[in-house]
N, C-alpha and C. Protein backbone atom coordinates (compact mmCIF):
# COMPACT_ATOMS: atom_id res chain seq x y z
N MET A 1 0.78 -1.20 0.00
CA MET A 1 0.00 0.00 0.00
C MET A 1 0.83 1.27 0.00
N GLY A 2 1.99 1.32 0.47
CA GLY A 2 2.80 2.53 0.40
C GLY A 2 2.59 3.45 1.56
N ASP A 3 2.85 4.75 1.32
CA ASP A 3 2.80 5.76 2.37
C ASP A 3 1.41 5.92 2.98
N THR A 4 0.36 5.72 2.20
CA THR A 4 -0.99 5.89 2.72
C THR A 4 -1.25 4.93 3.86
N SER A 5 -0.77 3.70 3.76
CA SER A 5 -1.02 2.73 4.82
C SER A 5 -0.36 3.16 6.12
N SER A 6 0.80 3.80 6.05
CA SER A 6 1.43 4.26 7.28
C SER A 6 0.65 5.41 7.89
N ILE A 7 0.06 6.26 7.08
CA ILE A 7 -0.78 7.33 7.61
C ILE A 7 -2.01 6.74 8.27
N LEU A 8 -2.62 5.77 7.61
CA LEU A 8 -3.81 5.14 8.17
C LEU A 8 -3.48 4.39 9.46
N ALA A 9 -2.33 3.78 9.52
CA ALA A 9 -1.95 3.01 10.70
C ALA A 9 -1.74 3.89 11.92
N GLU A 10 -1.43 5.17 11.73
CA GLU A 10 -1.21 6.07 12.86
C GLU A 10 -2.48 6.33 13.65
N ALA A 11 -3.62 6.26 13.01
CA ALA A 11 -4.87 6.60 13.68
C ALA A 11 -5.38 5.42 14.49
N ALA A 12 -6.00 5.74 15.61
CA ALA A 12 -6.57 4.70 16.46
C ALA A 12 -7.85 4.14 15.87
N VAL A 13 -8.60 5.00 15.19
CA VAL A 13 -9.88 4.62 14.61
C VAL A 13 -10.13 5.46 13.37
N THR A 14 -11.09 5.03 12.54
CA THR A 14 -11.44 5.85 11.38
C THR A 14 -12.93 5.82 11.11
N GLY A 15 -13.43 6.70 10.28
CA GLY A 15 -14.87 6.78 10.03
C GLY A 15 -15.22 7.46 8.74
N PRO A 16 -16.51 7.42 8.37
CA PRO A 16 -16.91 7.90 7.07
C PRO A 16 -16.77 9.41 6.92
N ALA A 17 -16.19 9.80 5.83
CA ALA A 17 -16.09 11.22 5.51
C ALA A 17 -17.05 11.45 4.36
N ALA A 18 -17.81 12.50 4.44
CA ALA A 18 -18.76 12.79 3.38
C ALA A 18 -18.40 14.12 2.76
N ALA A 19 -18.56 14.21 1.47
CA ALA A 19 -18.33 15.47 0.79
C ALA A 19 -18.70 15.29 -0.66
N GLY A 20 -18.93 16.40 -1.32
CA GLY A 20 -19.14 16.36 -2.75
C GLY A 20 -17.80 16.16 -3.41
N SER A 21 -17.80 15.72 -4.64
CA SER A 21 -16.52 15.53 -5.30
C SER A 21 -16.60 15.97 -6.74
N VAL A 22 -15.45 16.25 -7.25
CA VAL A 22 -15.30 16.56 -8.66
C VAL A 22 -14.53 15.38 -9.22
N GLU A 23 -14.94 14.88 -10.36
CA GLU A 23 -14.28 13.71 -10.93
C GLU A 23 -12.79 13.97 -11.12
N ALA A 24 -12.00 12.94 -10.88
CA ALA A 24 -10.55 13.08 -10.91
C ALA A 24 -9.96 12.53 -12.19
N GLY A 25 -8.82 13.10 -12.54
CA GLY A 25 -7.95 12.54 -13.56
C GLY A 25 -8.56 12.44 -14.94
N PRO A 26 -7.77 11.93 -15.85
CA PRO A 26 -8.22 11.74 -17.22
C PRO A 26 -9.36 10.74 -17.29
N VAL A 27 -10.17 10.84 -18.32
CA VAL A 27 -11.30 9.95 -18.51
C VAL A 27 -10.83 8.50 -18.48
N GLY A 28 -11.55 7.66 -17.72
CA GLY A 28 -11.23 6.25 -17.68
C GLY A 28 -10.22 5.87 -16.60
N SER A 29 -9.65 6.86 -15.91
CA SER A 29 -8.67 6.52 -14.89
C SER A 29 -9.36 6.27 -13.56
N ALA A 30 -8.75 5.43 -12.75
CA ALA A 30 -9.27 5.15 -11.42
C ALA A 30 -8.92 6.31 -10.49
N HIS A 31 -9.63 6.40 -9.40
CA HIS A 31 -9.31 7.41 -8.39
C HIS A 31 -8.00 7.04 -7.71
N GLY A 32 -7.34 8.04 -7.14
CA GLY A 32 -6.05 7.83 -6.51
C GLY A 32 -6.09 6.86 -5.34
N TYR A 33 -7.21 6.77 -4.66
CA TYR A 33 -7.31 5.90 -3.49
C TYR A 33 -7.68 4.46 -3.84
N THR A 34 -7.92 4.18 -5.09
CA THR A 34 -8.43 2.87 -5.51
C THR A 34 -7.58 1.71 -5.00
N SER A 35 -6.26 1.84 -5.05
CA SER A 35 -5.41 0.72 -4.62
C SER A 35 -5.49 0.51 -3.11
N ASP A 36 -5.92 1.52 -2.36
CA ASP A 36 -6.03 1.42 -0.91
C ASP A 36 -7.49 1.36 -0.44
N LYS A 37 -8.39 1.13 -1.35
CA LYS A 37 -9.82 1.20 -1.05
C LYS A 37 -10.21 0.28 0.11
N ASP A 38 -9.74 -0.95 0.11
CA ASP A 38 -10.10 -1.88 1.18
C ASP A 38 -9.62 -1.39 2.54
N ALA A 39 -8.42 -0.84 2.58
CA ALA A 39 -7.89 -0.30 3.85
C ALA A 39 -8.73 0.89 4.30
N TYR A 40 -9.09 1.76 3.38
CA TYR A 40 -9.93 2.90 3.75
C TYR A 40 -11.28 2.41 4.29
N LEU A 41 -11.87 1.44 3.62
CA LEU A 41 -13.17 0.93 4.07
C LEU A 41 -13.08 0.29 5.45
N ARG A 42 -12.01 -0.46 5.71
CA ARG A 42 -11.83 -1.05 7.04
C ARG A 42 -11.74 0.04 8.10
N ARG A 43 -10.94 1.06 7.81
CA ARG A 43 -10.76 2.15 8.77
C ARG A 43 -12.07 2.89 8.99
N LEU A 44 -12.81 3.15 7.93
CA LEU A 44 -14.08 3.85 8.05
C LEU A 44 -15.11 3.04 8.84
N ARG A 45 -15.12 1.75 8.64
CA ARG A 45 -16.03 0.90 9.41
C ARG A 45 -15.65 0.89 10.89
N ARG A 46 -14.36 0.94 11.15
CA ARG A 46 -13.91 1.01 12.53
C ARG A 46 -14.36 2.32 13.19
N ILE A 47 -14.28 3.41 12.46
CA ILE A 47 -14.74 4.70 12.99
C ILE A 47 -16.24 4.65 13.22
N GLU A 48 -16.96 4.06 12.29
CA GLU A 48 -18.40 3.94 12.43
C GLU A 48 -18.75 3.21 13.73
N GLY A 49 -18.04 2.15 14.02
CA GLY A 49 -18.26 1.41 15.26
C GLY A 49 -17.90 2.25 16.48
N GLN A 50 -16.85 3.03 16.37
CA GLN A 50 -16.44 3.90 17.47
C GLN A 50 -17.52 4.95 17.75
N VAL A 51 -18.10 5.50 16.71
CA VAL A 51 -19.17 6.49 16.88
C VAL A 51 -20.37 5.84 17.58
N ARG A 52 -20.73 4.63 17.17
CA ARG A 52 -21.82 3.93 17.84
C ARG A 52 -21.48 3.69 19.31
N GLY A 53 -20.21 3.39 19.60
CA GLY A 53 -19.77 3.19 20.97
C GLY A 53 -19.92 4.46 21.80
N ILE A 54 -19.63 5.60 21.20
CA ILE A 54 -19.80 6.86 21.91
C ILE A 54 -21.28 7.11 22.21
N ALA A 55 -22.13 6.81 21.26
CA ALA A 55 -23.58 6.97 21.50
C ALA A 55 -24.01 6.10 22.68
N ARG A 56 -23.49 4.89 22.73
CA ARG A 56 -23.80 4.00 23.86
C ARG A 56 -23.30 4.60 25.17
N MET A 57 -22.10 5.17 25.13
CA MET A 57 -21.54 5.79 26.34
C MET A 57 -22.45 6.91 26.84
N VAL A 58 -22.96 7.71 25.92
CA VAL A 58 -23.86 8.79 26.31
C VAL A 58 -25.15 8.21 26.88
N GLU A 59 -25.71 7.21 26.21
CA GLU A 59 -26.94 6.56 26.71
C GLU A 59 -26.73 6.01 28.11
N GLU A 60 -25.55 5.51 28.40
CA GLU A 60 -25.25 4.89 29.69
C GLU A 60 -24.69 5.90 30.70
N ASP A 61 -24.74 7.18 30.36
CA ASP A 61 -24.28 8.25 31.25
C ASP A 61 -22.84 8.05 31.72
N LYS A 62 -21.96 7.70 30.79
CA LYS A 62 -20.54 7.54 31.13
C LYS A 62 -19.91 8.89 31.41
N TYR A 63 -18.77 8.86 32.04
CA TYR A 63 -18.04 10.06 32.43
C TYR A 63 -17.68 10.88 31.19
N CYS A 64 -17.94 12.19 31.26
CA CYS A 64 -17.78 13.07 30.08
C CYS A 64 -16.34 13.06 29.54
N ILE A 65 -15.35 13.00 30.40
CA ILE A 65 -13.96 12.99 29.93
C ILE A 65 -13.66 11.72 29.14
N ASP A 66 -14.24 10.60 29.54
CA ASP A 66 -14.06 9.36 28.78
C ASP A 66 -14.68 9.49 27.39
N ILE A 67 -15.83 10.14 27.31
CA ILE A 67 -16.49 10.35 26.02
C ILE A 67 -15.63 11.28 25.15
N LEU A 68 -15.14 12.35 25.74
CA LEU A 68 -14.29 13.29 25.00
C LEU A 68 -13.02 12.63 24.49
N THR A 69 -12.48 11.70 25.26
CA THR A 69 -11.29 10.97 24.82
C THR A 69 -11.60 10.16 23.56
N GLN A 70 -12.77 9.55 23.52
CA GLN A 70 -13.17 8.78 22.34
C GLN A 70 -13.44 9.69 21.15
N VAL A 71 -14.04 10.85 21.40
CA VAL A 71 -14.27 11.81 20.32
C VAL A 71 -12.93 12.26 19.72
N ALA A 72 -11.95 12.51 20.58
CA ALA A 72 -10.62 12.91 20.11
C ALA A 72 -10.00 11.81 19.25
N ALA A 73 -10.18 10.55 19.64
CA ALA A 73 -9.65 9.44 18.86
C ALA A 73 -10.29 9.38 17.48
N ILE A 74 -11.59 9.62 17.42
CA ILE A 74 -12.28 9.62 16.13
C ILE A 74 -11.79 10.78 15.26
N ASN A 75 -11.63 11.95 15.87
CA ASN A 75 -11.12 13.08 15.09
C ASN A 75 -9.74 12.79 14.52
N LYS A 76 -8.88 12.19 15.32
CA LYS A 76 -7.54 11.85 14.84
C LYS A 76 -7.62 10.85 13.69
N ALA A 77 -8.49 9.88 13.84
CA ALA A 77 -8.64 8.87 12.80
C ALA A 77 -9.17 9.48 11.50
N LEU A 78 -10.15 10.36 11.61
CA LEU A 78 -10.69 11.02 10.42
C LEU A 78 -9.63 11.90 9.76
N HIS A 79 -8.82 12.57 10.57
CA HIS A 79 -7.73 13.38 10.01
C HIS A 79 -6.74 12.49 9.26
N ALA A 80 -6.45 11.32 9.80
CA ALA A 80 -5.53 10.40 9.12
C ALA A 80 -6.10 9.95 7.79
N VAL A 81 -7.38 9.64 7.76
CA VAL A 81 -8.02 9.25 6.50
C VAL A 81 -7.96 10.42 5.52
N SER A 82 -8.27 11.61 6.02
CA SER A 82 -8.23 12.81 5.16
C SER A 82 -6.85 13.04 4.58
N LEU A 83 -5.82 12.93 5.41
CA LEU A 83 -4.46 13.13 4.92
C LEU A 83 -4.09 12.09 3.87
N GLY A 84 -4.50 10.86 4.10
CA GLY A 84 -4.25 9.81 3.12
C GLY A 84 -4.91 10.11 1.79
N LEU A 85 -6.16 10.59 1.84
CA LEU A 85 -6.87 10.92 0.62
C LEU A 85 -6.25 12.12 -0.09
N VAL A 86 -5.80 13.11 0.68
CA VAL A 86 -5.11 14.26 0.07
C VAL A 86 -3.84 13.79 -0.62
N GLN A 87 -3.08 12.94 0.06
CA GLN A 87 -1.85 12.41 -0.54
C GLN A 87 -2.16 11.63 -1.82
N ASP A 88 -3.19 10.79 -1.76
CA ASP A 88 -3.57 10.03 -2.95
C ASP A 88 -4.00 10.95 -4.09
N HIS A 89 -4.75 11.99 -3.75
CA HIS A 89 -5.21 12.94 -4.78
C HIS A 89 -4.02 13.64 -5.43
N MET A 90 -3.09 14.08 -4.60
CA MET A 90 -1.92 14.79 -5.13
C MET A 90 -1.08 13.86 -6.01
N SER A 91 -0.81 12.66 -5.51
CA SER A 91 0.11 11.77 -6.24
C SER A 91 -0.54 11.13 -7.47
N HIS A 92 -1.86 11.07 -7.50
CA HIS A 92 -2.51 10.43 -8.64
C HIS A 92 -3.20 11.47 -9.53
N CYS A 93 -4.15 12.17 -8.96
CA CYS A 93 -4.98 13.08 -9.77
C CYS A 93 -4.23 14.32 -10.23
N VAL A 94 -3.50 14.96 -9.32
CA VAL A 94 -2.77 16.17 -9.70
C VAL A 94 -1.62 15.82 -10.64
N VAL A 95 -0.90 14.76 -10.34
CA VAL A 95 0.19 14.34 -11.23
C VAL A 95 -0.36 13.94 -12.59
N GLY A 96 -1.49 13.24 -12.60
CA GLY A 96 -2.12 12.88 -13.88
C GLY A 96 -2.55 14.10 -14.67
N ALA A 97 -3.07 15.09 -13.96
CA ALA A 97 -3.47 16.33 -14.63
C ALA A 97 -2.25 17.07 -15.18
N ALA A 98 -1.14 17.03 -14.44
CA ALA A 98 0.10 17.68 -14.93
C ALA A 98 0.57 17.00 -16.21
N ARG A 99 0.49 15.69 -16.24
CA ARG A 99 0.89 14.96 -17.46
C ARG A 99 -0.03 15.30 -18.62
N GLU A 100 -1.33 15.35 -18.33
CA GLU A 100 -2.31 15.68 -19.37
C GLU A 100 -2.11 17.12 -19.85
N SER A 101 -1.82 18.00 -18.91
CA SER A 101 -1.57 19.40 -19.25
C SER A 101 -0.35 19.53 -20.16
N GLU A 102 0.69 18.77 -19.82
CA GLU A 102 1.90 18.79 -20.63
C GLU A 102 1.63 18.22 -22.02
N ARG A 103 0.86 17.14 -22.06
CA ARG A 103 0.56 16.48 -23.34
C ARG A 103 -0.27 17.38 -24.25
N THR A 104 -1.23 18.09 -23.66
CA THR A 104 -2.13 18.91 -24.46
C THR A 104 -1.68 20.36 -24.60
N GLY A 105 -0.74 20.77 -23.75
CA GLY A 105 -0.31 22.17 -23.77
C GLY A 105 -1.31 23.10 -23.09
N ASN A 106 -2.23 22.53 -22.33
CA ASN A 106 -3.26 23.32 -21.66
C ASN A 106 -2.96 23.39 -20.16
N PRO A 107 -2.41 24.51 -19.69
CA PRO A 107 -2.05 24.64 -18.27
C PRO A 107 -3.26 24.69 -17.34
N GLU A 108 -4.43 24.97 -17.89
CA GLU A 108 -5.63 25.05 -17.05
C GLU A 108 -6.01 23.70 -16.46
N ILE A 109 -5.63 22.61 -17.10
CA ILE A 109 -5.96 21.27 -16.60
C ILE A 109 -5.33 21.05 -15.23
N VAL A 110 -4.04 21.31 -15.12
CA VAL A 110 -3.36 21.10 -13.84
C VAL A 110 -3.77 22.16 -12.83
N GLN A 111 -3.99 23.38 -13.28
CA GLN A 111 -4.40 24.44 -12.35
C GLN A 111 -5.74 24.11 -11.70
N ALA A 112 -6.64 23.51 -12.46
CA ALA A 112 -7.95 23.12 -11.91
C ALA A 112 -7.79 22.08 -10.82
N LYS A 113 -6.92 21.09 -11.02
CA LYS A 113 -6.70 20.05 -10.01
C LYS A 113 -5.99 20.60 -8.78
N VAL A 114 -5.05 21.50 -8.98
CA VAL A 114 -4.36 22.11 -7.84
C VAL A 114 -5.36 22.94 -7.03
N GLN A 115 -6.21 23.70 -7.70
CA GLN A 115 -7.23 24.49 -7.01
C GLN A 115 -8.20 23.59 -6.26
N GLU A 116 -8.59 22.51 -6.89
CA GLU A 116 -9.48 21.54 -6.26
C GLU A 116 -8.86 20.99 -4.97
N ALA A 117 -7.57 20.66 -5.02
CA ALA A 117 -6.87 20.16 -3.84
C ALA A 117 -6.78 21.25 -2.77
N ALA A 118 -6.46 22.46 -3.17
CA ALA A 118 -6.37 23.57 -2.21
C ALA A 118 -7.72 23.82 -1.54
N ASP A 119 -8.78 23.76 -2.30
CA ASP A 119 -10.14 23.95 -1.74
C ASP A 119 -10.47 22.84 -0.74
N ALA A 120 -10.12 21.61 -1.08
CA ALA A 120 -10.38 20.48 -0.17
C ALA A 120 -9.59 20.62 1.11
N ILE A 121 -8.34 21.01 1.01
CA ILE A 121 -7.50 21.22 2.20
C ILE A 121 -8.08 22.35 3.05
N GLY A 122 -8.55 23.40 2.40
CA GLY A 122 -9.18 24.50 3.13
C GLY A 122 -10.40 24.04 3.90
N ARG A 123 -11.21 23.17 3.30
CA ARG A 123 -12.38 22.64 4.01
C ARG A 123 -11.96 21.80 5.21
N LEU A 124 -10.86 21.08 5.09
CA LEU A 124 -10.38 20.25 6.20
C LEU A 124 -9.87 21.10 7.36
N LEU A 125 -9.38 22.28 7.06
CA LEU A 125 -8.82 23.14 8.10
C LEU A 125 -9.86 24.00 8.81
N ARG A 126 -11.06 24.03 8.30
CA ARG A 126 -12.12 24.84 8.96
C ARG A 126 -12.57 24.22 10.23
């Protein structure tokens, strides 16, 4: 799996990230995360279970600091998934757009992907 697996391994838990998307790369190409899809799905399912566990903790009136500790773990896991996806986007989609831009002589192709990545990173930092 490469560098993405090490990023994913750093997180204690992971969970589903939702967002709109703009199609990546040249027509017919797979998304950058495709080779790591199973690992992402495992991590996201683990986060989903963690979120359900927190709901149970609230239902059972568990100590608030214990709940906050679990929330922090989920946030860390989601950040790890996000970083992995950003890395995959940069190494696959942006690089692919740079190649396509070079091939066609159209610099707007790569600029659009770079802007798309910058916008996504901005949303993650909010």
